[in-house]
Amino acid sequence: MNQLRGLQDTVVVDASPRMLLVESDSDAEALRSIVDDLPDWIIAPEQSYSLPDVRPGIERPPD
């Protein structure tokens, strides 16, 4: 992990025993080359999903 923290323009945003969230403006290849040398580590871009609006709504106005 010290290798990741040592990269220029790279910030470790959050860390847990199973995940490391890294924000970086540098080249993704530099990150990938470090992660490829670490056993059982993978690299993936952050994904976000929009949640549907589950609040009940009026289907049609009353008569």
PDB file of N, CA and C in Angstrom:
ATOM      1  N   MET A   1       0.815  -1.186   0.000  1.00  0.00           N
ATOM      2  CA  MET A   1       0.000   0.000   0.000  1.00  0.00           C
ATOM      3  C   MET A   1       0.866   1.260   0.000  1.00  0.00           C
ATOM      4  N   ASN A   2       2.049   1.158   0.526  1.00  0.00           N
ATOM      5  CA  ASN A   2       2.936   2.319   0.523  1.00  0.00           C
ATOM      6  C   ASN A   2       3.302   2.723  -0.905  1.00  0.00           C
ATOM      7  N   GLN A   3       3.362   1.727  -1.806  1.00  0.00           N
ATOM      8  CA  GLN A   3       3.644   2.040  -3.205  1.00  0.00           C
ATOM      9  C   GLN A   3       2.519   2.897  -3.793  1.00  0.00           C
ATOM     10  N   LEU A   4       1.274   2.565  -3.460  1.00  0.00           N
ATOM     11  CA  LEU A   4       0.140   3.338  -3.966  1.00  0.00           C
ATOM     12  C   LEU A   4       0.129   4.740  -3.377  1.00  0.00           C
ATOM     13  N   ARG A   5       0.423   4.842  -2.105  1.00  0.00           N
ATOM     14  CA  ARG A   5       0.445   6.149  -1.453  1.00  0.00           C
ATOM     15  C   ARG A   5       1.591   7.016  -1.977  1.00  0.00           C
ATOM     16  N   GLY A   6       2.619   6.387  -2.493  1.00  0.00           N
ATOM     17  CA  GLY A   6       3.772   7.126  -2.987  1.00  0.00           C
ATOM     18  C   GLY A   6       3.611   7.653  -4.400  1.00  0.00           C
ATOM     19  N   LEU A   7       2.544   7.255  -5.093  1.00  0.00           N
ATOM     20  CA  LEU A   7       2.340   7.749  -6.449  1.00  0.00           C
ATOM     21  C   LEU A   7       1.965   9.225  -6.432  1.00  0.00           C
ATOM     22  N   GLN A   8       2.465   9.929  -7.402  1.00  0.00           N
ATOM     23  CA  GLN A   8       2.165  11.358  -7.528  1.00  0.00           C
ATOM     24  C   GLN A   8       0.702  11.529  -7.938  1.00  0.00           C
ATOM     25  N   ASP A   9       0.033  12.543  -7.387  1.00  0.00           N
ATOM     26  CA  ASP A   9      -1.375  12.845  -7.680  1.00  0.00           C
ATOM     27  C   ASP A   9      -2.313  11.702  -7.297  1.00  0.00           C
ATOM     28  N   THR A  10      -1.951  10.934  -6.273  1.00  0.00           N
ATOM     29  CA  THR A  10      -2.780   9.813  -5.824  1.00  0.00           C
ATOM     30  C   THR A  10      -3.089   9.988  -4.347  1.00  0.00           C
ATOM     31  N   VAL A  11      -4.374   9.826  -4.006  1.00  0.00           N
ATOM     32  CA  VAL A  11      -4.816   9.973  -2.622  1.00  0.00           C
ATOM     33  C   VAL A  11      -5.601   8.732  -2.233  1.00  0.00           C
ATOM     34  N   VAL A  12      -5.278   8.150  -1.088  1.00  0.00           N
ATOM     35  CA  VAL A  12      -6.063   7.048  -0.552  1.00  0.00           C
ATOM     36  C   VAL A  12      -7.251   7.665   0.177  1.00  0.00           C
ATOM     37  N   VAL A  13      -8.443   7.486  -0.385  1.00  0.00           N
ATOM     38  CA  VAL A  13      -9.651   8.097   0.152  1.00  0.00           C
ATOM     39  C   VAL A  13     -10.185   7.309   1.331  1.00  0.00           C
ATOM     40  N   ASP A  14     -10.173   5.972   1.218  1.00  0.00           N
ATOM     41  CA  ASP A  14     -10.709   5.120   2.279  1.00  0.00           C
ATOM     42  C   ASP A  14      -9.993   3.784   2.223  1.00  0.00           C
ATOM     43  N   ALA A  15      -9.871   3.153   3.376  1.00  0.00           N
ATOM     44  CA  ALA A  15      -9.228   1.844   3.446  1.00  0.00           C
ATOM     45  C   ALA A  15      -9.989   0.954   4.409  1.00  0.00           C
ATOM     46  N   SER A  16     -10.131  -0.293   4.039  1.00  0.00           N
ATOM     47  CA  SER A  16     -10.729  -1.306   4.905  1.00  0.00           C
ATOM     48  C   SER A  16      -9.898  -2.575   4.723  1.00  0.00           C
ATOM     49  N   PRO A  17     -10.150  -3.610   5.524  1.00  0.00           N
ATOM     50  CA  PRO A  17      -9.359  -4.831   5.356  1.00  0.00           C
ATOM     51  C   PRO A  17      -9.501  -5.469   3.971  1.00  0.00           C
ATOM     52  N   ARG A  18     -10.612  -5.198   3.277  1.00  0.00           N
ATOM     53  CA  ARG A  18     -10.850  -5.837   1.985  1.00  0.00           C
ATOM     54  C   ARG A  18     -10.785  -4.894   0.790  1.00  0.00           C
ATOM     55  N   MET A  19     -10.695  -3.591   1.038  1.00  0.00           N
ATOM     56  CA  MET A  19     -10.773  -2.653  -0.077  1.00  0.00           C
ATOM     57  C   MET A  19      -9.932  -1.414   0.198  1.00  0.00           C
ATOM     58  N   LEU A  20      -9.422  -0.859  -0.886  1.00  0.00           N
ATOM     59  CA  LEU A  20      -8.684   0.393  -0.821  1.00  0.00           C
ATOM     60  C   LEU A  20      -9.265   1.289  -1.903  1.00  0.00           C
ATOM     61  N   LEU A  21      -9.833   2.422  -1.496  1.00  0.00           N
ATOM     62  CA  LEU A  21     -10.407   3.372  -2.440  1.00  0.00           C
ATOM     63  C   LEU A  21      -9.372   4.454  -2.700  1.00  0.00           C
ATOM     64  N   VAL A  22      -8.960   4.564  -3.979  1.00  0.00           N
ATOM     65  CA  VAL A  22      -7.889   5.471  -4.362  1.00  0.00           C
ATOM     66  C   VAL A  22      -8.410   6.442  -5.405  1.00  0.00           C
ATOM     67  N   GLU A  23      -8.106   7.712  -5.226  1.00  0.00           N
ATOM     68  CA  GLU A  23      -8.419   8.730  -6.223  1.00  0.00           C
ATOM     69  C   GLU A  23      -7.108   9.200  -6.821  1.00  0.00           C
ATOM     70  N   SER A  24      -7.063   9.223  -8.153  1.00  0.00           N
ATOM     71  CA  SER A  24      -5.797   9.561  -8.793  1.00  0.00           C
ATOM     72  C   SER A  24      -6.024  10.329 -10.078  1.00  0.00           C
ATOM     73  N   ASP A  25      -5.225  11.372 -10.273  1.00  0.00           N
ATOM     74  CA  ASP A  25      -5.215  12.108 -11.532  1.00  0.00           C
ATOM     75  C   ASP A  25      -4.109  11.594 -12.449  1.00  0.00           C
ATOM     76  N   SER A  26      -3.267  10.719 -11.928  1.00  0.00           N
ATOM     77  CA  SER A  26      -2.150  10.231 -12.735  1.00  0.00           C
ATOM     78  C   SER A  26      -2.617   9.123 -13.676  1.00  0.00           C
ATOM     79  N   ASP A  27      -1.704   8.635 -14.454  1.00  0.00           N
ATOM     80  CA  ASP A  27      -1.978   7.604 -15.450  1.00  0.00           C
ATOM     81  C   ASP A  27      -2.439   6.318 -14.775  1.00  0.00           C
ATOM     82  N   ALA A  28      -3.494   5.706 -15.281  1.00  0.00           N
ATOM     83  CA  ALA A  28      -4.021   4.464 -14.719  1.00  0.00           C
ATOM     84  C   ALA A  28      -3.030   3.314 -14.873  1.00  0.00           C
ATOM     85  N   GLU A  29      -2.156   3.407 -15.846  1.00  0.00           N
ATOM     86  CA  GLU A  29      -1.171   2.340 -16.051  1.00  0.00           C
ATOM     87  C   GLU A  29      -0.203   2.234 -14.882  1.00  0.00           C
ATOM     88  N   ALA A  30       0.118   3.350 -14.241  1.00  0.00           N
ATOM     89  CA  ALA A  30       0.998   3.306 -13.071  1.00  0.00           C
ATOM     90  C   ALA A  30       0.312   2.549 -11.937  1.00  0.00           C
ATOM     91  N   LEU A  31      -0.966   2.805 -11.732  1.00  0.00           N
ATOM     92  CA  LEU A  31      -1.717   2.068 -10.705  1.00  0.00           C
ATOM     93  C   LEU A  31      -1.799   0.594 -11.070  1.00  0.00           C
ATOM     94  N   ARG A  32      -2.110   0.329 -12.319  1.00  0.00           N
ATOM     95  CA  ARG A  32      -2.258  -1.065 -12.759  1.00  0.00           C
ATOM     96  C   ARG A  32      -0.950  -1.840 -12.596  1.00  0.00           C
ATOM     97  N   SER A  33       0.182  -1.231 -12.875  1.00  0.00           N
ATOM     98  CA  SER A  33       1.466  -1.940 -12.760  1.00  0.00           C
ATOM     99  C   SER A  33       1.762  -2.305 -11.310  1.00  0.00           C
ATOM    100  N   ILE A  34       1.369  -1.447 -10.376  1.00  0.00           N
ATOM    101  CA  ILE A  34       1.574  -1.765  -8.952  1.00  0.00           C
ATOM    102  C   ILE A  34       0.633  -2.874  -8.517  1.00  0.00           C
ATOM    103  N   VAL A  35      -0.631  -2.772  -8.902  1.00  0.00           N
ATOM    104  CA  VAL A  35      -1.626  -3.761  -8.479  1.00  0.00           C
ATOM    105  C   VAL A  35      -1.326  -5.126  -9.101  1.00  0.00           C
ATOM    106  N   ASP A  36      -0.836  -5.158 -10.325  1.00  0.00           N
ATOM    107  CA  ASP A  36      -0.512  -6.435 -10.967  1.00  0.00           C
ATOM    108  C   ASP A  36       0.557  -7.203 -10.210  1.00  0.00           C
ATOM    109  N   ASP A  37       1.413  -6.503  -9.468  1.00  0.00           N
ATOM    110  CA  ASP A  37       2.464  -7.166  -8.698  1.00  0.00           C
ATOM    111  C   ASP A  37       1.992  -7.636  -7.327  1.00  0.00           C
ATOM    112  N   LEU A  38       0.771  -7.245  -6.922  1.00  0.00           N
ATOM    113  CA  LEU A  38       0.240  -7.631  -5.615  1.00  0.00           C
ATOM    114  C   LEU A  38      -0.664  -8.853  -5.762  1.00  0.00           C
ATOM    115  N   PRO A  39      -0.406  -9.905  -4.988  1.00  0.00           N
ATOM    116  CA  PRO A  39      -1.243 -11.100  -5.101  1.00  0.00           C
ATOM    117  C   PRO A  39      -2.655 -10.831  -4.565  1.00  0.00           C
ATOM    118  N   ASP A  40      -3.656 -11.372  -5.245  1.00  0.00           N
ATOM    119  CA  ASP A  40      -5.064 -11.302  -4.845  1.00  0.00           C
ATOM    120  C   ASP A  40      -5.634  -9.887  -4.857  1.00  0.00           C
ATOM    121  N   TRP A  41      -5.024  -8.977  -5.588  1.00  0.00           N
ATOM    122  CA  TRP A  41      -5.550  -7.619  -5.716  1.00  0.00           C
ATOM    123  C   TRP A  41      -6.073  -7.432  -7.130  1.00  0.00           C
ATOM    124  N   ILE A  42      -7.157  -6.663  -7.258  1.00  0.00           N
ATOM    125  CA  ILE A  42      -7.672  -6.297  -8.567  1.00  0.00           C
ATOM    126  C   ILE A  42      -7.893  -4.787  -8.584  1.00  0.00           C
ATOM    127  N   ILE A  43      -7.987  -4.237  -9.771  1.00  0.00           N
ATOM    128  CA  ILE A  43      -8.259  -2.811  -9.911  1.00  0.00           C
ATOM    129  C   ILE A  43      -9.520  -2.668 -10.756  1.00  0.00           C
ATOM    130  N   ALA A  44     -10.392  -1.783 -10.322  1.00  0.00           N
ATOM    131  CA  ALA A  44     -11.641  -1.545 -11.041  1.00  0.00           C
ATOM    132  C   ALA A  44     -12.049  -0.091 -10.846  1.00  0.00           C
ATOM    133  N   PRO A  45     -12.636   0.512 -11.873  1.00  0.00           N
ATOM    134  CA  PRO A  45     -13.099   1.889 -11.708  1.00  0.00           C
ATOM    135  C   PRO A  45     -14.303   1.943 -10.780  1.00  0.00           C
ATOM    136  N   GLU A  46     -14.482   3.078 -10.138  1.00  0.00           N
ATOM    137  CA  GLU A  46     -15.633   3.260  -9.261  1.00  0.00           C
ATOM    138  C   GLU A  46     -16.903   3.265 -10.099  1.00  0.00           C
ATOM    139  N   GLN A  47     -17.931   2.609  -9.594  1.00  0.00           N
ATOM    140  CA  GLN A  47     -19.211   2.564 -10.285  1.00  0.00           C
ATOM    141  C   GLN A  47     -20.272   3.166  -9.391  1.00  0.00           C
ATOM    142  N   SER A  48     -21.182   3.898  -9.974  1.00  0.00           N
ATOM    143  CA  SER A  48     -22.300   4.432  -9.208  1.00  0.00           C
ATOM    144  C   SER A  48     -23.590   4.145  -9.967  1.00  0.00           C
ATOM    145  N   TYR A  49     -24.649   3.978  -9.235  1.00  0.00           N
ATOM    146  CA  TYR A  49     -25.940   3.649  -9.802  1.00  0.00           C
ATOM    147  C   TYR A  49     -26.979   4.613  -9.260  1.00  0.00           C
ATOM    148  N   SER A  50     -27.880   5.038 -10.111  1.00  0.00           N
ATOM    149  CA  SER A  50     -28.979   5.869  -9.627  1.00  0.00           C
ATOM    150  C   SER A  50     -30.096   4.951  -9.120  1.00  0.00           C
ATOM    151  N   LEU A  51     -30.647   5.311  -7.991  1.00  0.00           N
ATOM    152  CA  LEU A  51     -31.706   4.512  -7.395  1.00  0.00           C
ATOM    153  C   LEU A  51     -33.060   4.990  -7.898  1.00  0.00           C
ATOM    154  N   PRO A  52     -33.985   4.063  -8.104  1.00  0.00           N
ATOM    155  CA  PRO A  52     -35.313   4.477  -8.549  1.00  0.00           C
ATOM    156  C   PRO A  52     -36.062   5.170  -7.412  1.00  0.00           C
ATOM    157  N   ASP A  53     -36.985   6.029  -7.786  1.00  0.00           N
ATOM    158  CA  ASP A  53     -37.835   6.704  -6.806  1.00  0.00           C
ATOM    159  C   ASP A  53     -38.932   5.726  -6.391  1.00  0.00           C
ATOM    160  N   VAL A  54     -38.882   5.268  -5.149  1.00  0.00           N
ATOM    161  CA  VAL A  54     -39.839   4.255  -4.672  1.00  0.00           C
ATOM    162  C   VAL A  54     -40.988   4.877  -3.881  1.00  0.00           C
ATOM    163  N   ARG A  55     -41.048   6.198  -3.823  1.00  0.00           N
ATOM    164  CA  ARG A  55     -42.157   6.854  -3.134  1.00  0.00           C
ATOM    165  C   ARG A  55     -43.427   6.681  -3.948  1.00  0.00           C
ATOM    166  N   PRO A  56     -44.541   6.422  -3.286  1.00  0.00           N
ATOM    167  CA  PRO A  56     -45.787   6.300  -4.038  1.00  0.00           C
ATOM    168  C   PRO A  56     -46.176   7.635  -4.661  1.00  0.00           C
ATOM    169  N   GLY A  57     -46.728   7.577  -5.832  1.00  0.00           N
ATOM    170  CA  GLY A  57     -47.149   8.782  -6.516  1.00  0.00           C
ATOM    171  C   GLY A  57     -48.572   8.657  -7.025  1.00  0.00           C
ATOM    172  N   ILE A  58     -49.142   9.763  -7.449  1.00  0.00           N
ATOM    173  CA  ILE A  58     -50.492   9.760  -7.989  1.00  0.00           C
ATOM    174  C   ILE A  58     -50.408   9.368  -9.455  1.00  0.00           C
ATOM    175  N   GLU A  59     -51.155   8.325  -9.820  1.00  0.00           N
ATOM    176  CA  GLU A  59     -51.133   7.860 -11.207  1.00  0.00           C
ATOM    177  C   GLU A  59     -51.938   8.784 -12.123  1.00  0.00           C
ATOM    178  N   ARG A  60     -53.071   9.293 -11.614  1.00  0.00           N
ATOM    179  CA  ARG A  60     -53.874  10.226 -12.391  1.00  0.00           C
ATOM    180  C   ARG A  60     -54.608  11.129 -11.416  1.00  0.00           C
ATOM    181  N   PRO A  61     -54.954  12.310 -11.830  1.00  0.00           N
ATOM    182  CA  PRO A  61     -55.669  13.216 -10.915  1.00  0.00           C
ATOM    183  C   PRO A  61     -57.078  12.686 -10.622  1.00  0.00           C
ATOM    184  N   PRO A  62     -57.621  13.033  -9.435  1.00  0.00           N
ATOM    185  CA  PRO A  62     -58.972  12.571  -9.109  1.00  0.00           C
ATOM    186  C   PRO A  62     -60.014  13.231 -10.013  1.00  0.00           C
ATOM    187  N   ASP A  63     -61.124  12.534 -10.208  1.00  0.00           N
ATOM    188  CA  ASP A  63     -62.228  13.052 -11.053  1.00  0.00           C
ATOM    189  C   ASP A  63     -63.016  14.131 -10.358  1.00  0.00           C
TER     190      ASP A  63
END
